[in-house]
Amino acid sequence: DNALEQLLVETARGGNPLQQVINDLAWAEAERRAEAEMARREREG
C-alpha cells in the first residue's frame, strides 16, 4: 500500500514514477541474473 500510494502521489505531481519502478524492477532482476552468472563462471573456472 505504501509503494502504491507513493506511485500515485508522484504521478499526480506530474512525474513518471512507473518508469522508474519498472527500471528498478529490471535492475533487481539483472542483479539476480548477474550473481547467478558469476557463480556459474566461478564454478566453471
All heavy atoms as atom14 arrays in JSON, in Angstrom:
{
  "sequence": "DNALEQLLVETARGGNPLQQVINDLAWAEAERRAEAEMARREREG",
  "atom14_mask": [
    [1, 1, 1, 1, 1, 1, 1, 1, 0, 0, 0, 0, 0, 0],
    [1, 1, 1, 1, 1, 1, 1, 1, 0, 0, 0, 0, 0, 0],
    [1, 1, 1, 1, 1, 0, 0, 0, 0, 0, 0, 0, 0, 0],
    [1, 1, 1, 1, 1, 1, 1, 1, 0, 0, 0, 0, 0, 0],
    [1, 1, 1, 1, 1, 1, 1, 1, 1, 0, 0, 0, 0, 0],
    [1, 1, 1, 1, 1, 1, 1, 1, 1, 0, 0, 0, 0, 0],
    [1, 1, 1, 1, 1, 1, 1, 1, 0, 0, 0, 0, 0, 0],
    [1, 1, 1, 1, 1, 1, 1, 1, 0, 0, 0, 0, 0, 0],
    [1, 1, 1, 1, 1, 1, 1, 0, 0, 0, 0, 0, 0, 0],
    [1, 1, 1, 1, 1, 1, 1, 1, 1, 0, 0, 0, 0, 0],
    [1, 1, 1, 1, 1, 1, 1, 0, 0, 0, 0, 0, 0, 0],
    [1, 1, 1, 1, 1, 0, 0, 0, 0, 0, 0, 0, 0, 0],
    [1, 1, 1, 1, 1, 1, 1, 1, 1, 1, 1, 0, 0, 0],
    [1, 1, 1, 1, 0, 0, 0, 0, 0, 0, 0, 0, 0, 0],
    [1, 1, 1, 1, 0, 0, 0, 0, 0, 0, 0, 0, 0, 0],
    [1, 1, 1, 1, 1, 1, 1, 1, 0, 0, 0, 0, 0, 0],
    [1, 1, 1, 1, 1, 1, 1, 0, 0, 0, 0, 0, 0, 0],
    [1, 1, 1, 1, 1, 1, 1, 1, 0, 0, 0, 0, 0, 0],
    [1, 1, 1, 1, 1, 1, 1, 1, 1, 0, 0, 0, 0, 0],
    [1, 1, 1, 1, 1, 1, 1, 1, 1, 0, 0, 0, 0, 0],
    [1, 1, 1, 1, 1, 1, 1, 0, 0, 0, 0, 0, 0, 0],
    [1, 1, 1, 1, 1, 1, 1, 1, 0, 0, 0, 0, 0, 0],
    [1, 1, 1, 1, 1, 1, 1, 1, 0, 0, 0, 0, 0, 0],
    [1, 1, 1, 1, 1, 1, 1, 1, 0, 0, 0, 0, 0, 0],
    [1, 1, 1, 1, 1, 1, 1, 1, 0, 0, 0, 0, 0, 0],
    [1, 1, 1, 1, 1, 0, 0, 0, 0, 0, 0, 0, 0, 0],
    [1, 1, 1, 1, 1, 1, 1, 1, 1, 1, 1, 1, 1, 1],
    [1, 1, 1, 1, 1, 0, 0, 0, 0, 0, 0, 0, 0, 0],
    [1, 1, 1, 1, 1, 1, 1, 1, 1, 0, 0, 0, 0, 0],
    [1, 1, 1, 1, 1, 0, 0, 0, 0, 0, 0, 0, 0, 0],
    [1, 1, 1, 1, 1, 1, 1, 1, 1, 0, 0, 0, 0, 0],
    [1, 1, 1, 1, 1, 1, 1, 1, 1, 1, 1, 0, 0, 0],
    [1, 1, 1, 1, 1, 1, 1, 1, 1, 1, 1, 0, 0, 0],
    [1, 1, 1, 1, 1, 0, 0, 0, 0, 0, 0, 0, 0, 0],
    [1, 1, 1, 1, 1, 1, 1, 1, 1, 0, 0, 0, 0, 0],
    [1, 1, 1, 1, 1, 0, 0, 0, 0, 0, 0, 0, 0, 0],
    [1, 1, 1, 1, 1, 1, 1, 1, 1, 0, 0, 0, 0, 0],
    [1, 1, 1, 1, 1, 1, 1, 1, 0, 0, 0, 0, 0, 0],
    [1, 1, 1, 1, 1, 0, 0, 0, 0, 0, 0, 0, 0, 0],
    [1, 1, 1, 1, 1, 1, 1, 1, 1, 1, 1, 0, 0, 0],
    [1, 1, 1, 1, 1, 1, 1, 1, 1, 1, 1, 0, 0, 0],
    [1, 1, 1, 1, 1, 1, 1, 1, 1, 0, 0, 0, 0, 0],
    [1, 1, 1, 1, 1, 1, 1, 1, 1, 1, 1, 0, 0, 0],
    [1, 1, 1, 1, 1, 1, 1, 1, 1, 0, 0, 0, 0, 0],
    [1, 1, 1, 1, 0, 0, 0, 0, 0, 0, 0, 0, 0, 0]
  ],
  "atom14_positions": [
    [[0.82, -1.22, 0.0], [0.0, 0.0, 0.0], [0.85, 1.27, 0.0], [0.51, 2.25, -0.67], [-0.95, 0.02, 1.2], [-2.06, -1.01, 1.08], [-2.3, -1.49, -0.05], [-2.69, -1.33, 2.1], [0.0, 0.0, 0.0], [0.0, 0.0, 0.0], [0.0, 0.0, 0.0], [0.0, 0.0, 0.0], [0.0, 0.0, 0.0], [0.0, 0.0, 0.0]],
    [[1.94, 1.26, 0.75], [2.8, 2.45, 0.8], [3.44, 2.72, -0.56], [3.54, 3.87, -0.99], [3.88, 2.3, 1.87], [3.31, 2.31, 3.27], [2.3, 2.97, 3.53], [3.92, 1.56, 4.17], [0.0, 0.0, 0.0], [0.0, 0.0, 0.0], [0.0, 0.0, 0.0], [0.0, 0.0, 0.0], [0.0, 0.0, 0.0], [0.0, 0.0, 0.0]],
    [[3.89, 1.67, -1.21], [4.51, 1.83, -2.53], [3.49, 2.34, -3.53], [3.78, 3.24, -4.34], [5.11, 0.51, -3.0], [0.0, 0.0, 0.0], [0.0, 0.0, 0.0], [0.0, 0.0, 0.0], [0.0, 0.0, 0.0], [0.0, 0.0, 0.0], [0.0, 0.0, 0.0], [0.0, 0.0, 0.0], [0.0, 0.0, 0.0], [0.0, 0.0, 0.0]],
    [[2.29, 1.81, -3.5], [1.23, 2.24, -4.41], [0.86, 3.7, -4.15], [0.69, 4.48, -5.09], [0.0, 1.34, -4.28], [-1.16, 1.64, -5.21], [-0.71, 1.6, -6.67], [-2.29, 0.65, -4.98], [0.0, 0.0, 0.0], [0.0, 0.0, 0.0], [0.0, 0.0, 0.0], [0.0, 0.0, 0.0], [0.0, 0.0, 0.0], [0.0, 0.0, 0.0]],
    [[0.76, 4.05, -2.87], [0.45, 5.44, -2.53], [1.52, 6.39, -3.07], [1.21, 7.42, -3.66], [0.34, 5.59, -1.01], [0.02, 7.0, -0.56], [-0.04, 7.14, 0.95], [-0.05, 6.12, 1.66], [-0.05, 8.3, 1.41], [0.0, 0.0, 0.0], [0.0, 0.0, 0.0], [0.0, 0.0, 0.0], [0.0, 0.0, 0.0], [0.0, 0.0, 0.0]],
    [[2.78, 6.03, -2.89], [3.88, 6.86, -3.38], [3.83, 6.97, -4.91], [4.06, 8.03, -5.47], [5.23, 6.28, -2.93], [6.4, 7.16, -3.25], [6.37, 8.49, -2.51], [5.85, 8.59, -1.41], [6.92, 9.51, -3.13], [0.0, 0.0, 0.0], [0.0, 0.0, 0.0], [0.0, 0.0, 0.0], [0.0, 0.0, 0.0], [0.0, 0.0, 0.0]],
    [[3.51, 5.89, -5.57], [3.39, 5.88, -7.03], [2.29, 6.84, -7.47], [2.48, 7.63, -8.41], [3.1, 4.46, -7.51], [3.09, 4.2, -9.0], [4.49, 4.42, -9.58], [2.64, 2.78, -9.28], [0.0, 0.0, 0.0], [0.0, 0.0, 0.0], [0.0, 0.0, 0.0], [0.0, 0.0, 0.0], [0.0, 0.0, 0.0], [0.0, 0.0, 0.0]],
    [[1.16, 6.81, -6.79], [0.05, 7.7, -7.13], [0.39, 9.16, -6.87], [0.09, 10.04, -7.7], [-1.2, 7.3, -6.35], [-1.81, 5.95, -6.72], [-2.92, 5.57, -5.75], [-2.32, 5.96, -8.14], [0.0, 0.0, 0.0], [0.0, 0.0, 0.0], [0.0, 0.0, 0.0], [0.0, 0.0, 0.0], [0.0, 0.0, 0.0], [0.0, 0.0, 0.0]],
    [[1.03, 9.44, -5.74], [1.4, 10.81, -5.4], [2.38, 11.37, -6.44], [2.2, 12.49, -6.93], [2.0, 10.89, -3.98], [2.64, 12.24, -3.71], [0.92, 10.6, -2.95], [0.0, 0.0, 0.0], [0.0, 0.0, 0.0], [0.0, 0.0, 0.0], [0.0, 0.0, 0.0], [0.0, 0.0, 0.0], [0.0, 0.0, 0.0], [0.0, 0.0, 0.0]],
    [[3.41, 10.6, -6.77], [4.4, 11.07, -7.74], [3.77, 11.27, -9.12], [4.13, 12.19, -9.84], [5.57, 10.09, -7.82], [6.42, 10.06, -6.57], [7.1, 11.39, -6.28], [7.56, 12.07, -7.23], [7.14, 11.77, -5.1], [0.0, 0.0, 0.0], [0.0, 0.0, 0.0], [0.0, 0.0, 0.0], [0.0, 0.0, 0.0], [0.0, 0.0, 0.0]],
    [[2.84, 10.4, -9.49], [2.15, 10.55, -10.77], [1.29, 11.8, -10.76], [1.27, 12.56, -11.74], [1.28, 9.31, -11.06], [2.12, 8.16, -11.08], [0.56, 9.43, -12.39], [0.0, 0.0, 0.0], [0.0, 0.0, 0.0], [0.0, 0.0, 0.0], [0.0, 0.0, 0.0], [0.0, 0.0, 0.0], [0.0, 0.0, 0.0], [0.0, 0.0, 0.0]],
    [[0.6, 12.06, -9.65], [-0.24, 13.25, -9.53], [0.6, 14.53, -9.62], [0.13, 15.56, -10.11], [-1.02, 13.22, -8.23], [0.0, 0.0, 0.0], [0.0, 0.0, 0.0], [0.0, 0.0, 0.0], [0.0, 0.0, 0.0], [0.0, 0.0, 0.0], [0.0, 0.0, 0.0], [0.0, 0.0, 0.0], [0.0, 0.0, 0.0], [0.0, 0.0, 0.0]],
    [[1.84, 14.45, -9.2], [2.74, 15.61, -9.27], [3.26, 15.83, -10.69], [4.01, 16.77, -10.93], [3.92, 15.42, -8.32], [3.53, 15.52, -6.87], [4.73, 15.37, -5.98], [4.32, 15.42, -4.58], [5.01, 14.93, -3.59], [6.18, 14.33, -3.81], [4.57, 15.02, -2.35], [0.0, 0.0, 0.0], [0.0, 0.0, 0.0], [0.0, 0.0, 0.0]],
    [[2.89, 14.93, -11.59], [3.29, 15.11, -12.98], [4.52, 14.32, -13.39], [5.02, 14.47, -14.49], [0.0, 0.0, 0.0], [0.0, 0.0, 0.0], [0.0, 0.0, 0.0], [0.0, 0.0, 0.0], [0.0, 0.0, 0.0], [0.0, 0.0, 0.0], [0.0, 0.0, 0.0], [0.0, 0.0, 0.0], [0.0, 0.0, 0.0], [0.0, 0.0, 0.0]],
    [[4.99, 13.48, -12.51], [6.17, 12.68, -12.84], [5.8, 11.39, -13.54], [4.62, 11.13, -13.82], [0.0, 0.0, 0.0], [0.0, 0.0, 0.0], [0.0, 0.0, 0.0], [0.0, 0.0, 0.0], [0.0, 0.0, 0.0], [0.0, 0.0, 0.0], [0.0, 0.0, 0.0], [0.0, 0.0, 0.0], [0.0, 0.0, 0.0], [0.0, 0.0, 0.0]],
    [[6.8, 10.6, -13.84], [6.58, 9.29, -14.44], [7.26, 8.24, -13.56], [8.23, 7.61, -13.97], [7.13, 9.24, -15.86], [6.76, 7.95, -16.57], [6.02, 7.13, -16.04], [7.3, 7.77, -17.75], [0.0, 0.0, 0.0], [0.0, 0.0, 0.0], [0.0, 0.0, 0.0], [0.0, 0.0, 0.0], [0.0, 0.0, 0.0], [0.0, 0.0, 0.0]],
    [[6.75, 8.07, -12.34], [7.4, 7.14, -11.42], [7.28, 5.69, -11.85], [8.1, 4.87, -11.47], [6.69, 7.39, -10.1], [5.33, 7.86, -10.5], [5.56, 8.67, -11.76], [0.0, 0.0, 0.0], [0.0, 0.0, 0.0], [0.0, 0.0, 0.0], [0.0, 0.0, 0.0], [0.0, 0.0, 0.0], [0.0, 0.0, 0.0], [0.0, 0.0, 0.0]],
    [[6.28, 5.37, -12.65], [6.14, 3.99, -13.09], [7.35, 3.56, -13.9], [7.83, 2.43, -13.75], [4.85, 3.79, -13.9], [4.56, 2.37, -14.36], [4.5, 1.41, -13.17], [3.28, 2.33, -15.17], [0.0, 0.0, 0.0], [0.0, 0.0, 0.0], [0.0, 0.0, 0.0], [0.0, 0.0, 0.0], [0.0, 0.0, 0.0], [0.0, 0.0, 0.0]],
    [[7.88, 4.46, -14.72], [9.08, 4.14, -15.49], [10.24, 3.83, -14.55], [10.99, 2.89, -14.77], [9.44, 5.29, -16.43], [10.7, 5.03, -17.24], [10.57, 3.83, -18.16], [9.55, 3.68, -18.83], [11.57, 2.98, -18.19], [0.0, 0.0, 0.0], [0.0, 0.0, 0.0], [0.0, 0.0, 0.0], [0.0, 0.0, 0.0], [0.0, 0.0, 0.0]],
    [[10.37, 4.6, -13.49], [11.45, 4.36, -12.52], [11.24, 3.04, -11.8], [12.19, 2.29, -11.57], [11.56, 5.51, -11.51], [12.73, 5.37, -10.57], [14.06, 5.33, -11.29], [14.32, 6.15, -12.16], [14.91, 4.38, -10.96], [0.0, 0.0, 0.0], [0.0, 0.0, 0.0], [0.0, 0.0, 0.0], [0.0, 0.0, 0.0], [0.0, 0.0, 0.0]],
    [[10.0, 2.74, -11.45], [9.71, 1.47, -10.77], [10.06, 0.3, -11.7], [10.71, -0.67, -11.28], [8.22, 1.4, -10.33], [7.83, -0.01, -9.89], [7.95, 2.41, -9.22], [0.0, 0.0, 0.0], [0.0, 0.0, 0.0], [0.0, 0.0, 0.0], [0.0, 0.0, 0.0], [0.0, 0.0, 0.0], [0.0, 0.0, 0.0], [0.0, 0.0, 0.0]],
    [[9.65, 0.39, -12.96], [9.97, -0.67, -13.93], [11.48, -0.8, -14.07], [12.03, -1.91, -14.09], [9.3, -0.39, -15.28], [7.78, -0.56, -15.15], [9.86, -1.29, -16.38], [6.99, -0.07, -16.34], [0.0, 0.0, 0.0], [0.0, 0.0, 0.0], [0.0, 0.0, 0.0], [0.0, 0.0, 0.0], [0.0, 0.0, 0.0], [0.0, 0.0, 0.0]],
    [[12.17, 0.32, -14.15], [13.63, 0.3, -14.25], [14.25, -0.36, -13.02], [15.17, -1.19, -13.16], [14.16, 1.73, -14.42], [15.62, 1.75, -14.77], [16.02, 1.19, -15.78], [16.41, 2.4, -13.94], [0.0, 0.0, 0.0], [0.0, 0.0, 0.0], [0.0, 0.0, 0.0], [0.0, 0.0, 0.0], [0.0, 0.0, 0.0], [0.0, 0.0, 0.0]],
    [[13.75, -0.04, -11.84], [14.27, -0.63, -10.61], [14.0, -2.14, -10.55], [14.86, -2.92, -10.12], [13.65, 0.04, -9.38], [14.13, 1.47, -9.18], [15.11, 1.89, -9.84], [13.5, 2.19, -8.37], [0.0, 0.0, 0.0], [0.0, 0.0, 0.0], [0.0, 0.0, 0.0], [0.0, 0.0, 0.0], [0.0, 0.0, 0.0], [0.0, 0.0, 0.0]],
    [[12.8, -2.54, -10.99], [12.48, -3.97, -11.0], [13.37, -4.72, -12.0], [13.84, -5.82, -11.71], [11.0, -4.18, -11.35], [10.0, -3.65, -10.31], [8.58, -3.73, -10.87], [10.12, -4.39, -9.0], [0.0, 0.0, 0.0], [0.0, 0.0, 0.0], [0.0, 0.0, 0.0], [0.0, 0.0, 0.0], [0.0, 0.0, 0.0], [0.0, 0.0, 0.0]],
    [[13.61, -4.09, -13.14], [14.5, -4.7, -14.14], [15.92, -4.79, -13.59], [16.62, -5.78, -13.8], [14.48, -3.89, -15.44], [0.0, 0.0, 0.0], [0.0, 0.0, 0.0], [0.0, 0.0, 0.0], [0.0, 0.0, 0.0], [0.0, 0.0, 0.0], [0.0, 0.0, 0.0], [0.0, 0.0, 0.0], [0.0, 0.0, 0.0], [0.0, 0.0, 0.0]],
    [[16.35, -3.76, -12.86], [17.7, -3.77, -12.28], [17.82, -4.88, -11.24], [18.83, -5.59, -11.18], [18.06, -2.43, -11.67], [19.44, -2.42, -11.13], [19.81, -2.51, -9.82], [20.66, -2.41, -11.87], [21.17, -2.54, -9.71], [21.72, -2.47, -10.95], [20.96, -2.35, -13.23], [23.05, -2.47, -11.34], [22.29, -2.34, -13.62], [23.32, -2.41, -12.68]],
    [[16.79, -5.07, -10.42], [16.82, -6.13, -9.41], [16.95, -7.49, -10.08], [17.72, -8.35, -9.63], [15.57, -6.06, -8.53], [0.0, 0.0, 0.0], [0.0, 0.0, 0.0], [0.0, 0.0, 0.0], [0.0, 0.0, 0.0], [0.0, 0.0, 0.0], [0.0, 0.0, 0.0], [0.0, 0.0, 0.0], [0.0, 0.0, 0.0], [0.0, 0.0, 0.0]],
    [[16.22, -7.7, -11.16], [16.31, -8.96, -11.9], [17.69, -9.09, -12.54], [18.28, -10.18, -12.56], [15.21, -9.05, -12.96], [15.28, -10.28, -13.82], [15.11, -11.59, -13.07], [14.6, -11.61, -11.93], [15.48, -12.65, -13.65], [0.0, 0.0, 0.0], [0.0, 0.0, 0.0], [0.0, 0.0, 0.0], [0.0, 0.0, 0.0], [0.0, 0.0, 0.0]],
    [[18.2, -7.99, -13.05], [19.53, -8.01, -13.67], [20.6, -8.38, -12.65], [21.51, -9.17, -12.96], [19.85, -6.65, -14.3], [0.0, 0.0, 0.0], [0.0, 0.0, 0.0], [0.0, 0.0, 0.0], [0.0, 0.0, 0.0], [0.0, 0.0, 0.0], [0.0, 0.0, 0.0], [0.0, 0.0, 0.0], [0.0, 0.0, 0.0], [0.0, 0.0, 0.0]],
    [[20.52, -7.84, -11.45], [21.48, -8.2, -10.4], [21.38, -9.67, -10.04], [22.39, -10.34, -9.86], [21.25, -7.34, -9.16], [21.74, -5.93, -9.3], [21.54, -5.11, -8.05], [20.49, -5.26, -7.38], [22.44, -4.3, -7.74], [0.0, 0.0, 0.0], [0.0, 0.0, 0.0], [0.0, 0.0, 0.0], [0.0, 0.0, 0.0], [0.0, 0.0, 0.0]],
    [[20.15, -10.19, -9.95], [19.96, -11.6, -9.63], [20.6, -12.47, -10.71], [21.33, -13.41, -10.42], [18.46, -11.93, -9.5], [18.19, -13.35, -9.01], [16.76, -13.77, -9.23], [16.39, -13.88, -10.63], [16.79, -14.86, -11.46], [17.59, -15.81, -11.03], [16.38, -14.89, -12.72], [0.0, 0.0, 0.0], [0.0, 0.0, 0.0], [0.0, 0.0, 0.0]],
    [[20.36, -12.11, -11.96], [20.94, -12.88, -13.07], [22.46, -12.75, -13.1], [23.16, -13.71, -13.4], [20.36, -12.4, -14.4], [18.91, -12.79, -14.57], [18.37, -12.29, -15.88], [16.99, -12.71, -16.06], [16.37, -12.73, -17.21], [17.0, -12.35, -18.32], [15.13, -13.12, -17.3], [0.0, 0.0, 0.0], [0.0, 0.0, 0.0], [0.0, 0.0, 0.0]],
    [[22.97, -11.56, -12.81], [24.42, -11.35, -12.82], [25.09, -12.19, -11.74], [26.13, -12.8, -11.98], [24.73, -9.86, -12.61], [0.0, 0.0, 0.0], [0.0, 0.0, 0.0], [0.0, 0.0, 0.0], [0.0, 0.0, 0.0], [0.0, 0.0, 0.0], [0.0, 0.0, 0.0], [0.0, 0.0, 0.0], [0.0, 0.0, 0.0], [0.0, 0.0, 0.0]],
    [[24.5, -12.23, -10.56], [25.06, -13.04, -9.48], [25.05, -14.52, -9.85], [26.02, -15.24, -9.6], [24.32, -12.79, -8.18], [24.63, -11.42, -7.61], [23.76, -11.04, -6.42], [22.91, -11.86, -6.0], [23.94, -9.92, -5.91], [0.0, 0.0, 0.0], [0.0, 0.0, 0.0], [0.0, 0.0, 0.0], [0.0, 0.0, 0.0], [0.0, 0.0, 0.0]],
    [[23.97, -14.97, -10.48], [23.9, -16.37, -10.92], [24.95, -16.65, -11.99], [25.61, -17.7, -11.97], [22.5, -16.68, -11.44], [0.0, 0.0, 0.0], [0.0, 0.0, 0.0], [0.0, 0.0, 0.0], [0.0, 0.0, 0.0], [0.0, 0.0, 0.0], [0.0, 0.0, 0.0], [0.0, 0.0, 0.0], [0.0, 0.0, 0.0], [0.0, 0.0, 0.0]],
    [[25.12, -15.73, -12.91], [26.12, -15.91, -13.98], [27.53, -15.93, -13.4], [28.36, -16.75, -13.81], [25.98, -14.79, -15.02], [27.02, -14.82, -16.12], [26.97, -16.06, -17.0], [25.96, -16.79, -16.99], [27.98, -16.31, -17.7], [0.0, 0.0, 0.0], [0.0, 0.0, 0.0], [0.0, 0.0, 0.0], [0.0, 0.0, 0.0], [0.0, 0.0, 0.0]],
    [[27.82, -15.05, -12.46], [29.15, -15.02, -11.84], [29.41, -16.31, -11.07], [30.51, -16.86, -11.12], [29.3, -13.8, -10.94], [29.27, -12.48, -11.67], [30.55, -12.3, -12.92], [31.99, -12.24, -11.89], [0.0, 0.0, 0.0], [0.0, 0.0, 0.0], [0.0, 0.0, 0.0], [0.0, 0.0, 0.0], [0.0, 0.0, 0.0], [0.0, 0.0, 0.0]],
    [[28.4, -16.81, -10.39], [28.55, -18.08, -9.66], [28.83, -19.22, -10.64], [29.68, -20.07, -10.39], [27.31, -18.37, -8.83], [0.0, 0.0, 0.0], [0.0, 0.0, 0.0], [0.0, 0.0, 0.0], [0.0, 0.0, 0.0], [0.0, 0.0, 0.0], [0.0, 0.0, 0.0], [0.0, 0.0, 0.0], [0.0, 0.0, 0.0], [0.0, 0.0, 0.0]],
    [[28.12, -19.22, -11.77], [28.34, -20.25, -12.78], [29.76, -20.17, -13.32], [30.45, -21.17, -13.44], [27.34, -20.09, -13.94], [27.47, -21.18, -15.01], [26.67, -20.84, -16.26], [27.16, -19.68, -16.97], [28.27, -19.66, -17.74], [29.0, -20.74, -17.88], [28.63, -18.55, -18.35], [0.0, 0.0, 0.0], [0.0, 0.0, 0.0], [0.0, 0.0, 0.0]],
    [[30.22, -18.96, -13.6], [31.59, -18.79, -14.12], [32.63, -19.24, -13.11], [33.63, -19.84, -13.47], [31.84, -17.32, -14.48], [31.11, -16.87, -15.71], [31.4, -15.42, -15.99], [30.55, -14.9, -17.03], [30.46, -13.62, -17.33], [31.18, -12.73, -16.68], [29.65, -13.23, -18.29], [0.0, 0.0, 0.0], [0.0, 0.0, 0.0], [0.0, 0.0, 0.0]],
    [[32.38, -18.93, -11.83], [33.32, -19.36, -10.8], [33.37, -20.87, -10.69], [34.44, -21.46, -10.57], [32.94, -18.73, -9.46], [33.22, -17.25, -9.4], [32.67, -16.58, -8.14], [32.14, -17.29, -7.25], [32.78, -15.35, -8.06], [0.0, 0.0, 0.0], [0.0, 0.0, 0.0], [0.0, 0.0, 0.0], [0.0, 0.0, 0.0], [0.0, 0.0, 0.0]],
    [[32.21, -21.52, -10.77], [32.18, -22.99, -10.73], [32.93, -23.56, -11.93], [33.71, -24.49, -11.78], [30.73, -23.5, -10.74], [30.03, -23.45, -9.43], [28.72, -24.2, -9.45], [27.85, -23.85, -10.56], [26.97, -22.86, -10.57], [26.85, -22.08, -9.52], [26.21, -22.63, -11.63], [0.0, 0.0, 0.0], [0.0, 0.0, 0.0], [0.0, 0.0, 0.0]],
    [[32.68, -23.02, -13.11], [33.37, -23.5, -14.31], [34.87, -23.24, -14.22], [35.66, -24.07, -14.65], [32.78, -22.84, -15.55], [31.42, -23.39, -15.91], [30.85, -22.72, -17.16], [31.5, -21.84, -17.74], [29.73, -23.11, -17.54], [0.0, 0.0, 0.0], [0.0, 0.0, 0.0], [0.0, 0.0, 0.0], [0.0, 0.0, 0.0], [0.0, 0.0, 0.0]],
    [[35.24, -22.1, -13.67], [36.66, -21.78, -13.52], [37.35, -22.74, -12.58], [38.45, -23.21, -12.84], [0.0, 0.0, 0.0], [0.0, 0.0, 0.0], [0.0, 0.0, 0.0], [0.0, 0.0, 0.0], [0.0, 0.0, 0.0], [0.0, 0.0, 0.0], [0.0, 0.0, 0.0], [0.0, 0.0, 0.0], [0.0, 0.0, 0.0], [0.0, 0.0, 0.0]]
  ]
}
